[in-house]
C-alpha atoms as a PDB file:
ATOM      1  CA  UNK A   1      -5.754 -24.105  -8.762  1.00  0.00           C
ATOM      2  CA  UNK A   2      -8.886 -22.058  -8.392  1.00  0.00           C
ATOM      3  CA  UNK A   3     -12.400 -22.488  -7.038  1.00  0.00           C
ATOM      4  CA  UNK A   4     -15.811 -20.873  -7.297  1.00  0.00           C
ATOM      5  CA  UNK A   5     -17.146 -20.299  -3.779  1.00  0.00           C
ATOM      6  CA  UNK A   6     -20.261 -18.666  -2.387  1.00  0.00           C
ATOM      7  CA  UNK A   7     -19.520 -16.107   0.329  1.00  0.00           C
ATOM      8  CA  UNK A   8     -22.284 -13.980   1.887  1.00  0.00           C
ATOM      9  CA  UNK A   9     -24.710 -14.744  -0.946  1.00  0.00           C
ATOM     10  CA  UNK A  10     -22.304 -13.912  -3.793  1.00  0.00           C
ATOM     11  CA  UNK A  11     -20.106 -16.164  -5.917  1.00  0.00           C
ATOM     12  CA  UNK A  12     -16.377 -15.459  -6.217  1.00  0.00           C
ATOM     13  CA  UNK A  13     -13.552 -17.020  -8.213  1.00  0.00           C
ATOM     14  CA  UNK A  14     -10.748 -17.464  -5.696  1.00  0.00           C
ATOM     15  CA  UNK A  15      -7.106 -18.492  -5.935  1.00  0.00           C
ATOM     16  CA  UNK A  16      -4.523 -19.013  -3.213  1.00  0.00           C
ATOM     17  CA  UNK A  17      -2.976 -15.791  -1.785  1.00  0.00           C
ATOM     18  CA  UNK A  18      -5.479 -13.519  -3.589  1.00  0.00           C
ATOM     19  CA  UNK A  19      -7.252 -10.698  -1.743  1.00  0.00           C
ATOM     20  CA  UNK A  20     -10.917  -9.973  -2.386  1.00  0.00           C
ATOM     21  CA  UNK A  21     -13.609  -7.697  -0.967  1.00  0.00           C
ATOM     22  CA  UNK A  22     -16.832  -9.372   0.198  1.00  0.00           C
ATOM     23  CA  UNK A  23     -19.915  -8.013   1.926  1.00  0.00           C
ATOM     24  CA  UNK A  24     -19.380  -7.333   5.626  1.00  0.00           C
ATOM     25  CA  UNK A  25     -18.773 -10.530   7.629  1.00  0.00           C
ATOM     26  CA  UNK A  26     -19.341 -10.943  11.361  1.00  0.00           C
ATOM     27  CA  UNK A  27     -15.725 -11.729  12.195  1.00  0.00           C
ATOM     28  CA  UNK A  28     -12.837  -9.892  13.814  1.00  0.00           C
ATOM     29  CA  UNK A  29      -9.695  -8.862  11.978  1.00  0.00           C
ATOM     30  CA  UNK A  30      -7.219 -11.727  11.976  1.00  0.00           C
ATOM     31  CA  UNK A  31      -9.873 -14.463  12.250  1.00  0.00           C
ATOM     32  CA  UNK A  32      -9.628 -17.524  10.005  1.00  0.00           C
ATOM     33  CA  UNK A  33     -12.907 -18.653   8.417  1.00  0.00           C
ATOM     34  CA  UNK A  34     -13.825 -21.755   6.409  1.00  0.00           C
ATOM     35  CA  UNK A  35     -16.416 -21.649   3.622  1.00  0.00           C
ATOM     36  CA  UNK A  36     -17.836 -25.002   2.551  1.00  0.00           C
ATOM     37  CA  UNK A  37     -20.198 -23.811  -0.210  1.00  0.00           C
ATOM     38  CA  UNK A  38     -17.679 -24.589  -2.964  1.00  0.00           C
ATOM     39  CA  UNK A  39     -19.442 -24.849  -6.326  1.00  0.00           C
ATOM     40  CA  UNK A  40     -16.472 -25.737  -8.585  1.00  0.00           C
ATOM     41  CA  UNK A  41     -12.825 -26.715  -8.129  1.00  0.00           C
ATOM     42  CA  UNK A  42     -10.217 -26.684 -10.929  1.00  0.00           C
ATOM     43  CA  UNK A  43      -7.016 -28.472  -9.950  1.00  0.00           C
ATOM     44  CA  UNK A  44      -4.618 -28.060 -12.923  1.00  0.00           C
ATOM     45  CA  UNK A  45      -7.139 -29.179 -15.523  1.00  0.00           C
ATOM     46  CA  UNK A  46      -9.140 -31.576 -13.344  1.00  0.00           C
ATOM     47  CA  UNK A  47     -12.515 -29.895 -12.921  1.00  0.00           C
ATOM     48  CA  UNK A  48     -14.917 -30.991 -10.179  1.00  0.00           C
ATOM     49  CA  UNK A  49     -18.392 -29.495 -10.499  1.00  0.00           C
ATOM     50  CA  UNK A  50     -20.706 -29.718  -7.506  1.00  0.00           C
ATOM     51  CA  UNK A  51     -24.347 -30.735  -7.458  1.00  0.00           C
ATOM     52  CA  UNK A  52     -24.906 -28.156  -5.927  1.00  0.00           C
ATOM     53  CA  UNK A  53     -21.637 -28.196  -3.940  1.00  0.00           C
ATOM     54  CA  UNK A  54     -18.409 -30.197  -4.162  1.00  0.00           C
ATOM     55  CA  UNK A  55     -18.292 -32.735  -1.327  1.00  0.00           C
ATOM     56  CA  UNK A  56     -15.316 -32.395   1.001  1.00  0.00           C
ATOM     57  CA  UNK A  57     -14.160 -29.102  -0.524  1.00  0.00           C
ATOM     58  CA  UNK A  58     -13.643 -25.954   1.493  1.00  0.00           C
ATOM     59  CA  UNK A  59     -11.925 -22.598   1.206  1.00  0.00           C
ATOM     60  CA  UNK A  60     -10.014 -21.155   4.151  1.00  0.00           C
ATOM     61  CA  UNK A  61      -9.720 -17.348   4.371  1.00  0.00           C
ATOM     62  CA  UNK A  62      -8.170 -14.846   6.749  1.00  0.00           C
ATOM     63  CA  UNK A  63      -9.985 -11.593   7.549  1.00  0.00           C
ATOM     64  CA  UNK A  64      -7.653  -8.660   6.896  1.00  0.00           C
ATOM     65  CA  UNK A  65      -9.789  -5.573   7.578  1.00  0.00           C
ATOM     66  CA  UNK A  66     -13.247  -4.013   7.465  1.00  0.00           C
ATOM     67  CA  UNK A  67     -13.598  -1.041   5.095  1.00  0.00           C
ATOM     68  CA  UNK A  68     -16.237   1.188   3.557  1.00  0.00           C
ATOM     69  CA  UNK A  69     -16.746   1.392  -0.187  1.00  0.00           C
ATOM     70  CA  UNK A  70     -16.945   4.547  -2.281  1.00  0.00           C
ATOM     71  CA  UNK A  71     -19.898   6.843  -1.753  1.00  0.00           C
ATOM     72  CA  UNK A  72     -22.766   6.340  -4.177  1.00  0.00           C
ATOM     73  CA  UNK A  73     -25.089   9.315  -4.682  1.00  0.00           C
ATOM     74  CA  UNK A  74     -28.754   8.705  -5.496  1.00  0.00           C
ATOM     75  CA  UNK A  75     -30.425  11.834  -6.928  1.00  0.00           C
ATOM     76  CA  UNK A  76     -34.121  12.023  -7.741  1.00  0.00           C
ATOM     77  CA  UNK A  77     -35.795  14.970  -9.449  1.00  0.00           C
ATOM     78  CA  UNK A  78     -39.157  15.753 -10.981  1.00  0.00           C
ATOM     79  CA  UNK A  79     -38.949  18.622 -13.385  1.00  0.00           C
ATOM     80  CA  UNK A  80     -41.067  21.731 -12.877  1.00  0.00           C
ATOM     81  CA  UNK A  81     -42.351  20.446  -9.526  1.00  0.00           C
ATOM     82  CA  UNK A  82     -39.597  21.637  -7.188  1.00  0.00           C
ATOM     83  CA  UNK A  83     -38.922  18.075  -6.048  1.00  0.00           C
ATOM     84  CA  UNK A  84     -35.271  17.138  -5.492  1.00  0.00           C
ATOM     85  CA  UNK A  85     -33.961  14.409  -3.235  1.00  0.00           C
ATOM     86  CA  UNK A  86     -30.294  13.564  -2.650  1.00  0.00           C
ATOM     87  CA  UNK A  87     -29.306  10.426  -0.798  1.00  0.00           C
ATOM     88  CA  UNK A  88     -25.842   8.948  -0.200  1.00  0.00           C
ATOM     89  CA  UNK A  89     -24.755   5.414   0.621  1.00  0.00           C
ATOM     90  CA  UNK A  90     -21.462   3.705   1.526  1.00  0.00           C
ATOM     91  CA  UNK A  91     -21.390  -0.090   1.459  1.00  0.00           C
ATOM     92  CA  UNK A  92     -19.577  -1.992   4.223  1.00  0.00           C
ATOM     93  CA  UNK A  93     -16.975  -4.489   2.958  1.00  0.00           C
ATOM     94  CA  UNK A  94     -14.570  -7.002   4.473  1.00  0.00           C
ATOM     95  CA  UNK A  95     -11.213  -7.651   2.826  1.00  0.00           C
ATOM     96  CA  UNK A  96     -10.173 -11.301   3.018  1.00  0.00           C
ATOM     97  CA  UNK A  97      -7.103 -13.213   1.856  1.00  0.00           C
ATOM     98  CA  UNK A  98      -7.436 -16.758   0.534  1.00  0.00           C
ATOM     99  CA  UNK A  99      -5.195 -19.064   2.577  1.00  0.00           C
ATOM    100  CA  UNK A 100      -6.017 -22.512   1.218  1.00  0.00           C
ATOM    101  CA  UNK A 101      -8.321 -24.379  -1.148  1.00  0.00           C
ATOM    102  CA  UNK A 102      -9.028 -27.968  -0.129  1.00  0.00           C
ATOM    103  CA  UNK A 103     -10.787 -30.234  -2.559  1.00  0.00           C
END
């Protein structure tokens, strides 16, 4: 059984007991959250497609930890002008584990 769910503005394919990284959520480690924006549910061949969401379906997740992603370097340069700009960025992520898919 799997589902397509929208979490923090992004769509994820989730299955029970899988761990995924999503954009930073406002929740403490160990919290259990329910997401009700389920767009599709596949239950062993029975596919339920939402318009836009599947009624009565929800995905329950447990927050495992908050982490930072890898550093991304943004380098800008204009040749022969002496212009160089280096900027770094690390995205904040939350690791969640899928506990249950209801629907």
